[in-house]
Amino acid sequence: MLETKFDELMEFPNSFPFKVVGDASETLADRVVAVAQSLAPGDYAPSTKASSKGTYYSVTIRVTVTSKDHIEQLYTELAAIDGVKRVL
């Protein structure tokens, strides 16, 4: 897993924002929500923003996380989505 210190810095459960940056695709937000749903079922309303040239989309989603491991798992799974360049 990742070597983070979320458990030292946060209390759980916590609403945690993830920003996923990937190739411009109409389905990127849906794929981000699908990963979030599989690891933390809930109602999600992600916001999507296109880059200035329209090459990339950023999708911001807030997920209720329950532990450090849960955050790390979400980072890993979101990064594995086809076309994703960064997860912040």
PDB file of N, CA and C in Angstrom:
ATOM      1  N   MET A   1       0.833  -1.189   0.000  1.00  0.00           N
ATOM      2  CA  MET A   1       0.000   0.000   0.000  1.00  0.00           C
ATOM      3  C   MET A   1       0.879   1.253   0.000  1.00  0.00           C
ATOM      4  N   LEU A   2       0.220   2.360  -0.004  1.00  0.00           N
ATOM      5  CA  LEU A   2       0.915   3.640  -0.004  1.00  0.00           C
ATOM      6  C   LEU A   2       1.392   3.967   1.405  1.00  0.00           C
ATOM      7  N   GLU A   3       2.412   4.765   1.509  1.00  0.00           N
ATOM      8  CA  GLU A   3       2.923   5.141   2.828  1.00  0.00           C
ATOM      9  C   GLU A   3       2.438   6.547   3.169  1.00  0.00           C
ATOM     10  N   THR A   4       1.223   6.645   3.658  1.00  0.00           N
ATOM     11  CA  THR A   4       0.632   7.942   3.985  1.00  0.00           C
ATOM     12  C   THR A   4       0.449   8.066   5.496  1.00  0.00           C
ATOM     13  N   LYS A   5       0.099   9.260   5.926  1.00  0.00           N
ATOM     14  CA  LYS A   5      -0.123   9.503   7.355  1.00  0.00           C
ATOM     15  C   LYS A   5      -1.533  10.008   7.621  1.00  0.00           C
ATOM     16  N   PHE A   6      -2.471   9.608   6.755  1.00  0.00           N
ATOM     17  CA  PHE A   6      -3.847  10.049   6.923  1.00  0.00           C
ATOM     18  C   PHE A   6      -4.391   9.702   8.299  1.00  0.00           C
ATOM     19  N   ASP A   7      -4.002   8.540   8.827  1.00  0.00           N
ATOM     20  CA  ASP A   7      -4.514   8.120  10.137  1.00  0.00           C
ATOM     21  C   ASP A   7      -4.024   9.020  11.258  1.00  0.00           C
ATOM     22  N   GLU A   8      -2.900   9.695  11.058  1.00  0.00           N
ATOM     23  CA  GLU A   8      -2.375  10.610  12.067  1.00  0.00           C
ATOM     24  C   GLU A   8      -2.990  12.008  11.937  1.00  0.00           C
ATOM     25  N   LEU A   9      -3.513  12.325  10.771  1.00  0.00           N
ATOM     26  CA  LEU A   9      -3.982  13.675  10.483  1.00  0.00           C
ATOM     27  C   LEU A   9      -5.497  13.830  10.483  1.00  0.00           C
ATOM     28  N   MET A  10      -6.214  12.724  10.400  1.00  0.00           N
ATOM     29  CA  MET A  10      -7.662  12.789  10.241  1.00  0.00           C
ATOM     30  C   MET A  10      -8.389  11.895  11.227  1.00  0.00           C
ATOM     31  N   GLU A  11      -9.643  12.248  11.442  1.00  0.00           N
ATOM     32  CA  GLU A  11     -10.545  11.374  12.187  1.00  0.00           C
ATOM     33  C   GLU A  11     -11.477  10.719  11.181  1.00  0.00           C
ATOM     34  N   PHE A  12     -11.908   9.521  11.478  1.00  0.00           N
ATOM     35  CA  PHE A  12     -12.767   8.781  10.553  1.00  0.00           C
ATOM     36  C   PHE A  12     -14.081   8.438  11.214  1.00  0.00           C
ATOM     37  N   PRO A  13     -15.172   8.351  10.445  1.00  0.00           N
ATOM     38  CA  PRO A  13     -15.302   8.594   9.017  1.00  0.00           C
ATOM     39  C   PRO A  13     -15.161  10.085   8.694  1.00  0.00           C
ATOM     40  N   ASN A  14     -14.816  10.360   7.429  1.00  0.00           N
ATOM     41  CA  ASN A  14     -14.563  11.724   7.000  1.00  0.00           C
ATOM     42  C   ASN A  14     -14.943  11.857   5.529  1.00  0.00           C
ATOM     43  N   SER A  15     -15.485  13.004   5.159  1.00  0.00           N
ATOM     44  CA  SER A  15     -15.784  13.290   3.759  1.00  0.00           C
ATOM     45  C   SER A  15     -14.498  13.788   3.112  1.00  0.00           C
ATOM     46  N   PHE A  16     -13.989  13.044   2.146  1.00  0.00           N
ATOM     47  CA  PHE A  16     -12.667  13.308   1.585  1.00  0.00           C
ATOM     48  C   PHE A  16     -12.793  13.609   0.089  1.00  0.00           C
ATOM     49  N   PRO A  17     -12.210  14.731  -0.369  1.00  0.00           N
ATOM     50  CA  PRO A  17     -12.301  15.055  -1.803  1.00  0.00           C
ATOM     51  C   PRO A  17     -11.198  14.377  -2.613  1.00  0.00           C
ATOM     52  N   PHE A  18     -11.575  13.837  -3.746  1.00  0.00           N
ATOM     53  CA  PHE A  18     -10.621  13.283  -4.704  1.00  0.00           C
ATOM     54  C   PHE A  18     -10.780  14.062  -6.004  1.00  0.00           C
ATOM     55  N   LYS A  19      -9.666  14.444  -6.613  1.00  0.00           N
ATOM     56  CA  LYS A  19      -9.692  15.092  -7.924  1.00  0.00           C
ATOM     57  C   LYS A  19      -8.979  14.161  -8.886  1.00  0.00           C
ATOM     58  N   VAL A  20      -9.706  13.726  -9.899  1.00  0.00           N
ATOM     59  CA  VAL A  20      -9.185  12.791 -10.883  1.00  0.00           C
ATOM     60  C   VAL A  20      -9.006  13.549 -12.196  1.00  0.00           C
ATOM     61  N   VAL A  21      -7.787  13.549 -12.727  1.00  0.00           N
ATOM     62  CA  VAL A  21      -7.487  14.227 -13.986  1.00  0.00           C
ATOM     63  C   VAL A  21      -7.194  13.163 -15.039  1.00  0.00           C
ATOM     64  N   GLY A  22      -7.918  13.246 -16.150  1.00  0.00           N
ATOM     65  CA  GLY A  22      -7.733  12.249 -17.197  1.00  0.00           C
ATOM     66  C   GLY A  22      -8.009  12.811 -18.567  1.00  0.00           C
ATOM     67  N   ASP A  23      -7.790  11.970 -19.571  1.00  0.00           N
ATOM     68  CA  ASP A  23      -8.081  12.352 -20.948  1.00  0.00           C
ATOM     69  C   ASP A  23      -9.552  12.750 -21.055  1.00  0.00           C
ATOM     70  N   ALA A  24      -9.831  13.750 -21.896  1.00  0.00           N
ATOM     71  CA  ALA A  24     -11.206  14.213 -22.081  1.00  0.00           C
ATOM     72  C   ALA A  24     -12.064  13.061 -22.597  1.00  0.00           C
ATOM     73  N   SER A  25     -13.081  12.719 -21.844  1.00  0.00           N
ATOM     74  CA  SER A  25     -13.992  11.635 -22.207  1.00  0.00           C
ATOM     75  C   SER A  25     -15.329  11.885 -21.529  1.00  0.00           C
ATOM     76  N   GLU A  26     -16.392  11.714 -22.279  1.00  0.00           N
ATOM     77  CA  GLU A  26     -17.732  11.921 -21.727  1.00  0.00           C
ATOM     78  C   GLU A  26     -18.054  10.910 -20.627  1.00  0.00           C
ATOM     79  N   THR A  27     -17.320   9.799 -20.570  1.00  0.00           N
ATOM     80  CA  THR A  27     -17.613   8.757 -19.581  1.00  0.00           C
ATOM     81  C   THR A  27     -16.691   8.799 -18.359  1.00  0.00           C
ATOM     82  N   LEU A  28     -15.749   9.737 -18.320  1.00  0.00           N
ATOM     83  CA  LEU A  28     -14.800   9.766 -17.198  1.00  0.00           C
ATOM     84  C   LEU A  28     -15.517   9.901 -15.863  1.00  0.00           C
ATOM     85  N   ALA A  29     -16.439  10.843 -15.743  1.00  0.00           N
ATOM     86  CA  ALA A  29     -17.150  11.042 -14.472  1.00  0.00           C
ATOM     87  C   ALA A  29     -17.913   9.782 -14.070  1.00  0.00           C
ATOM     88  N   ASP A  30     -18.532   9.116 -15.037  1.00  0.00           N
ATOM     89  CA  ASP A  30     -19.275   7.879 -14.740  1.00  0.00           C
ATOM     90  C   ASP A  30     -18.345   6.785 -14.223  1.00  0.00           C
ATOM     91  N   ARG A  31     -17.159   6.688 -14.808  1.00  0.00           N
ATOM     92  CA  ARG A  31     -16.196   5.674 -14.369  1.00  0.00           C
ATOM     93  C   ARG A  31     -15.663   5.991 -12.975  1.00  0.00           C
ATOM     94  N   VAL A  32     -15.464   7.279 -12.673  1.00  0.00           N
ATOM     95  CA  VAL A  32     -15.030   7.690 -11.329  1.00  0.00           C
ATOM     96  C   VAL A  32     -16.107   7.337 -10.309  1.00  0.00           C
ATOM     97  N   VAL A  33     -17.358   7.646 -10.625  1.00  0.00           N
ATOM     98  CA  VAL A  33     -18.471   7.320  -9.725  1.00  0.00           C
ATOM     99  C   VAL A  33     -18.583   5.814  -9.530  1.00  0.00           C
ATOM    100  N   ALA A  34     -18.375   5.033 -10.581  1.00  0.00           N
ATOM    101  CA  ALA A  34     -18.467   3.572 -10.471  1.00  0.00           C
ATOM    102  C   ALA A  34     -17.432   3.033  -9.483  1.00  0.00           C
ATOM    103  N   VAL A  35     -16.222   3.567  -9.532  1.00  0.00           N
ATOM    104  CA  VAL A  35     -15.186   3.134  -8.583  1.00  0.00           C
ATOM    105  C   VAL A  35     -15.577   3.547  -7.168  1.00  0.00           C
ATOM    106  N   ALA A  36     -16.025   4.787  -7.011  1.00  0.00           N
ATOM    107  CA  ALA A  36     -16.439   5.255  -5.685  1.00  0.00           C
ATOM    108  C   ALA A  36     -17.573   4.395  -5.143  1.00  0.00           C
ATOM    109  N   GLN A  37     -18.552   4.088  -5.992  1.00  0.00           N
ATOM    110  CA  GLN A  37     -19.694   3.259  -5.572  1.00  0.00           C
ATOM    111  C   GLN A  37     -19.249   1.868  -5.140  1.00  0.00           C
ATOM    112  N   SER A  38     -18.263   1.305  -5.841  1.00  0.00           N
ATOM    113  CA  SER A  38     -17.825  -0.054  -5.510  1.00  0.00           C
ATOM    114  C   SER A  38     -17.103  -0.116  -4.168  1.00  0.00           C
ATOM    115  N   LEU A  39     -16.464   0.986  -3.775  1.00  0.00           N
ATOM    116  CA  LEU A  39     -15.693   0.991  -2.531  1.00  0.00           C
ATOM    117  C   LEU A  39     -16.389   1.722  -1.381  1.00  0.00           C
ATOM    118  N   ALA A  40     -17.336   2.597  -1.716  1.00  0.00           N
ATOM    119  CA  ALA A  40     -18.062   3.363  -0.700  1.00  0.00           C
ATOM    120  C   ALA A  40     -19.435   3.733  -1.275  1.00  0.00           C
ATOM    121  N   PRO A  41     -20.385   2.797  -1.240  1.00  0.00           N
ATOM    122  CA  PRO A  41     -21.695   3.066  -1.825  1.00  0.00           C
ATOM    123  C   PRO A  41     -22.327   4.336  -1.255  1.00  0.00           C
ATOM    124  N   GLY A  42     -22.939   5.111  -2.140  1.00  0.00           N
ATOM    125  CA  GLY A  42     -23.585   6.351  -1.723  1.00  0.00           C
ATOM    126  C   GLY A  42     -24.074   7.116  -2.933  1.00  0.00           C
ATOM    127  N   ASP A  43     -24.661   8.273  -2.681  1.00  0.00           N
ATOM    128  CA  ASP A  43     -25.117   9.151  -3.758  1.00  0.00           C
ATOM    129  C   ASP A  43     -24.008  10.151  -4.045  1.00  0.00           C
ATOM    130  N   TYR A  44     -23.548  10.206  -5.286  1.00  0.00           N
ATOM    131  CA  TYR A  44     -22.437  11.082  -5.649  1.00  0.00           C
ATOM    132  C   TYR A  44     -22.858  12.086  -6.708  1.00  0.00           C
ATOM    133  N   ALA A  45     -22.352  13.291  -6.561  1.00  0.00           N
ATOM    134  CA  ALA A  45     -22.594  14.365  -7.526  1.00  0.00           C
ATOM    135  C   ALA A  45     -21.244  14.978  -7.882  1.00  0.00           C
ATOM    136  N   PRO A  46     -20.480  14.302  -8.736  1.00  0.00           N
ATOM    137  CA  PRO A  46     -19.157  14.821  -9.082  1.00  0.00           C
ATOM    138  C   PRO A  46     -19.267  16.080  -9.936  1.00  0.00           C
ATOM    139  N   SER A  47     -18.252  16.917  -9.856  1.00  0.00           N
ATOM    140  CA  SER A  47     -18.192  18.073 -10.746  1.00  0.00           C
ATOM    141  C   SER A  47     -17.074  17.826 -11.747  1.00  0.00           C
ATOM    142  N   THR A  48     -17.339  18.202 -12.993  1.00  0.00           N
ATOM    143  CA  THR A  48     -16.371  17.987 -14.068  1.00  0.00           C
ATOM    144  C   THR A  48     -16.001  19.320 -14.676  1.00  0.00           C
ATOM    145  N   LYS A  49     -14.716  19.472 -14.959  1.00  0.00           N
ATOM    146  CA  LYS A  49     -14.219  20.707 -15.550  1.00  0.00           C
ATOM    147  C   LYS A  49     -13.242  20.333 -16.660  1.00  0.00           C
ATOM    148  N   ALA A  50     -13.363  21.003 -17.811  1.00  0.00           N
ATOM    149  CA  ALA A  50     -12.455  20.756 -18.928  1.00  0.00           C
ATOM    150  C   ALA A  50     -11.233  21.658 -18.801  1.00  0.00           C
ATOM    151  N   SER A  51     -10.098  21.174 -19.292  1.00  0.00           N
ATOM    152  CA  SER A  51      -8.891  22.000 -19.320  1.00  0.00           C
ATOM    153  C   SER A  51      -9.080  23.114 -20.353  1.00  0.00           C
ATOM    154  N   SER A  52      -8.192  24.099 -20.339  1.00  0.00           N
ATOM    155  CA  SER A  52      -8.352  25.253 -21.236  1.00  0.00           C
ATOM    156  C   SER A  52      -8.371  24.851 -22.710  1.00  0.00           C
ATOM    157  N   LYS A  53      -7.632  23.814 -23.083  1.00  0.00           N
ATOM    158  CA  LYS A  53      -7.618  23.352 -24.472  1.00  0.00           C
ATOM    159  C   LYS A  53      -8.616  22.221 -24.717  1.00  0.00           C
ATOM    160  N   GLY A  54      -9.262  21.759 -23.655  1.00  0.00           N
ATOM    161  CA  GLY A  54     -10.238  20.689 -23.791  1.00  0.00           C
ATOM    162  C   GLY A  54      -9.633  19.298 -23.916  1.00  0.00           C
ATOM    163  N   THR A  55      -8.337  19.180 -23.681  1.00  0.00           N
ATOM    164  CA  THR A  55      -7.646  17.904 -23.810  1.00  0.00           C
ATOM    165  C   THR A  55      -7.909  16.992 -22.621  1.00  0.00           C
ATOM    166  N   TYR A  56      -8.064  17.586 -21.446  1.00  0.00           N
ATOM    167  CA  TYR A  56      -8.242  16.828 -20.208  1.00  0.00           C
ATOM    168  C   TYR A  56      -9.495  17.275 -19.482  1.00  0.00           C
ATOM    169  N   TYR A  57     -10.030  16.366 -18.678  1.00  0.00           N
ATOM    170  CA  TYR A  57     -11.125  16.680 -17.766  1.00  0.00           C
ATOM    171  C   TYR A  57     -10.626  16.434 -16.352  1.00  0.00           C
ATOM    172  N   SER A  58     -11.107  17.238 -15.420  1.00  0.00           N
ATOM    173  CA  SER A  58     -10.881  16.937 -14.012  1.00  0.00           C
ATOM    174  C   SER A  58     -12.246  16.675 -13.386  1.00  0.00           C
ATOM    175  N   VAL A  59     -12.306  15.616 -12.620  1.00  0.00           N
ATOM    176  CA  VAL A  59     -13.542  15.225 -11.946  1.00  0.00           C
ATOM    177  C   VAL A  59     -13.270  15.278 -10.455  1.00  0.00           C
ATOM    178  N   THR A  60     -14.045  16.071  -9.736  1.00  0.00           N
ATOM    179  CA  THR A  60     -13.908  16.166  -8.286  1.00  0.00           C
ATOM    180  C   THR A  60     -15.101  15.465  -7.648  1.00  0.00           C
ATOM    181  N   ILE A  61     -14.794  14.595  -6.689  1.00  0.00           N
ATOM    182  CA  ILE A  61     -15.837  13.822  -6.017  1.00  0.00           C
ATOM    183  C   ILE A  61     -15.487  13.723  -4.530  1.00  0.00           C
ATOM    184  N   ARG A  62     -16.490  13.845  -3.678  1.00  0.00           N
ATOM    185  CA  ARG A  62     -16.293  13.697  -2.231  1.00  0.00           C
ATOM    186  C   ARG A  62     -16.807  12.325  -1.814  1.00  0.00           C
ATOM    187  N   VAL A  63     -15.941  11.581  -1.136  1.00  0.00           N
ATOM    188  CA  VAL A  63     -16.272  10.219  -0.712  1.00  0.00           C
ATOM    189  C   VAL A  63     -16.124  10.129   0.798  1.00  0.00           C
ATOM    190  N   THR A  64     -17.074   9.492   1.463  1.00  0.00           N
ATOM    191  CA  THR A  64     -16.949   9.268   2.901  1.00  0.00           C
ATOM    192  C   THR A  64     -16.026   8.083   3.109  1.00  0.00           C
ATOM    193  N   VAL A  65     -14.863   8.372   3.675  1.00  0.00           N
ATOM    194  CA  VAL A  65     -13.844   7.338   3.894  1.00  0.00           C
ATOM    195  C   VAL A  65     -13.861   6.916   5.360  1.00  0.00           C
ATOM    196  N   THR A  66     -13.466   5.659   5.597  1.00  0.00           N
ATOM    197  CA  THR A  66     -13.553   5.118   6.951  1.00  0.00           C
ATOM    198  C   THR A  66     -12.195   4.828   7.586  1.00  0.00           C
ATOM    199  N   SER A  67     -11.118   4.890   6.787  1.00  0.00           N
ATOM    200  CA  SER A  67      -9.796   4.596   7.333  1.00  0.00           C
ATOM    201  C   SER A  67      -8.716   5.041   6.360  1.00  0.00           C
ATOM    202  N   LYS A  68      -7.494   5.023   6.837  1.00  0.00           N
ATOM    203  CA  LYS A  68      -6.327   5.310   6.001  1.00  0.00           C
ATOM    204  C   LYS A  68      -6.277   4.331   4.835  1.00  0.00           C
ATOM    205  N   ASP A  69      -6.483   3.052   5.105  1.00  0.00           N
ATOM    206  CA  ASP A  69      -6.453   2.031   4.061  1.00  0.00           C
ATOM    207  C   ASP A  69      -7.538   2.273   3.008  1.00  0.00           C
ATOM    208  N   HIS A  70      -8.687   2.758   3.459  1.00  0.00           N
ATOM    209  CA  HIS A  70      -9.794   3.047   2.546  1.00  0.00           C
ATOM    210  C   HIS A  70      -9.388   4.169   1.572  1.00  0.00           C
ATOM    211  N   ILE A  71      -8.760   5.221   2.074  1.00  0.00           N
ATOM    212  CA  ILE A  71      -8.286   6.318   1.217  1.00  0.00           C
ATOM    213  C   ILE A  71      -7.267   5.791   0.213  1.00  0.00           C
ATOM    214  N   GLU A  72      -6.319   5.022   0.693  1.00  0.00           N
ATOM    215  CA  GLU A  72      -5.271   4.497  -0.183  1.00  0.00           C
ATOM    216  C   GLU A  72      -5.855   3.591  -1.263  1.00  0.00           C
ATOM    217  N   GLN A  73      -6.845   2.792  -0.897  1.00  0.00           N
ATOM    218  CA  GLN A  73      -7.485   1.903  -1.867  1.00  0.00           C
ATOM    219  C   GLN A  73      -8.210   2.733  -2.934  1.00  0.00           C
ATOM    220  N   LEU A  74      -8.882   3.800  -2.515  1.00  0.00           N
ATOM    221  CA  LEU A  74      -9.562   4.669  -3.476  1.00  0.00           C
ATOM    222  C   LEU A  74      -8.549   5.330  -4.416  1.00  0.00           C
ATOM    223  N   TYR A  75      -7.447   5.843  -3.881  1.00  0.00           N
ATOM    224  CA  TYR A  75      -6.408   6.436  -4.740  1.00  0.00           C
ATOM    225  C   TYR A  75      -5.927   5.413  -5.775  1.00  0.00           C
ATOM    226  N   THR A  76      -5.656   4.205  -5.339  1.00  0.00           N
ATOM    227  CA  THR A  76      -5.139   3.166  -6.224  1.00  0.00           C
ATOM    228  C   THR A  76      -6.144   2.798  -7.303  1.00  0.00           C
ATOM    229  N   GLU A  77      -7.397   2.585  -6.903  1.00  0.00           N
ATOM    230  CA  GLU A  77      -8.437   2.182  -7.863  1.00  0.00           C
ATOM    231  C   GLU A  77      -8.769   3.309  -8.837  1.00  0.00           C
ATOM    232  N   LEU A  78      -8.822   4.544  -8.349  1.00  0.00           N
ATOM    233  CA  LEU A  78      -9.110   5.669  -9.235  1.00  0.00           C
ATOM    234  C   LEU A  78      -7.977   5.863 -10.246  1.00  0.00           C
ATOM    235  N   ALA A  79      -6.743   5.683  -9.805  1.00  0.00           N
ATOM    236  CA  ALA A  79      -5.593   5.835 -10.699  1.00  0.00           C
ATOM    237  C   ALA A  79      -5.567   4.756 -11.778  1.00  0.00           C
ATOM    238  N   ALA A  80      -6.213   3.624 -11.525  1.00  0.00           N
ATOM    239  CA  ALA A  80      -6.204   2.513 -12.472  1.00  0.00           C
ATOM    240  C   ALA A  80      -7.251   2.668 -13.585  1.00  0.00           C
ATOM    241  N   ILE A  81      -8.105   3.681 -13.497  1.00  0.00           N
ATOM    242  CA  ILE A  81      -9.114   3.909 -14.532  1.00  0.00           C
ATOM    243  C   ILE A  81      -8.402   4.268 -15.834  1.00  0.00           C
ATOM    244  N   ASP A  82      -8.857   3.670 -16.916  1.00  0.00           N
ATOM    245  CA  ASP A  82      -8.255   3.908 -18.230  1.00  0.00           C
ATOM    246  C   ASP A  82      -8.309   5.395 -18.583  1.00  0.00           C
ATOM    247  N   GLY A  83      -7.176   5.964 -18.946  1.00  0.00           N
ATOM    248  CA  GLY A  83      -7.096   7.359 -19.349  1.00  0.00           C
ATOM    249  C   GLY A  83      -6.784   8.328 -18.227  1.00  0.00           C
ATOM    250  N   VAL A  84      -6.783   7.869 -16.982  1.00  0.00           N
ATOM    251  CA  VAL A  84      -6.500   8.761 -15.851  1.00  0.00           C
ATOM    252  C   VAL A  84      -5.002   9.049 -15.792  1.00  0.00           C
ATOM    253  N   LYS A  85      -4.688  10.328 -15.636  1.00  0.00           N
ATOM    254  CA  LYS A  85      -3.293  10.761 -15.571  1.00  0.00           C
ATOM    255  C   LYS A  85      -2.834  11.009 -14.129  1.00  0.00           C
ATOM    256  N   ARG A  86      -3.709  11.581 -13.296  1.00  0.00           N
ATOM    257  CA  ARG A  86      -3.363  11.913 -11.917  1.00  0.00           C
ATOM    258  C   ARG A  86      -4.585  11.804 -11.019  1.00  0.00           C
ATOM    259  N   VAL A  87      -4.345  11.456  -9.760  1.00  0.00           N
ATOM    260  CA  VAL A  87      -5.383  11.501  -8.737  1.00  0.00           C
ATOM    261  C   VAL A  87      -4.820  12.337  -7.607  1.00  0.00           C
ATOM    262  N   LEU A  88      -5.517  13.405  -7.300  1.00  0.00           N
ATOM    263  CA  LEU A  88      -5.061  14.335  -6.254  1.00  0.00           C
ATOM    264  C   LEU A  88      -6.010  14.297  -5.075  1.00  0.00           C
TER     265      LEU A  88
END
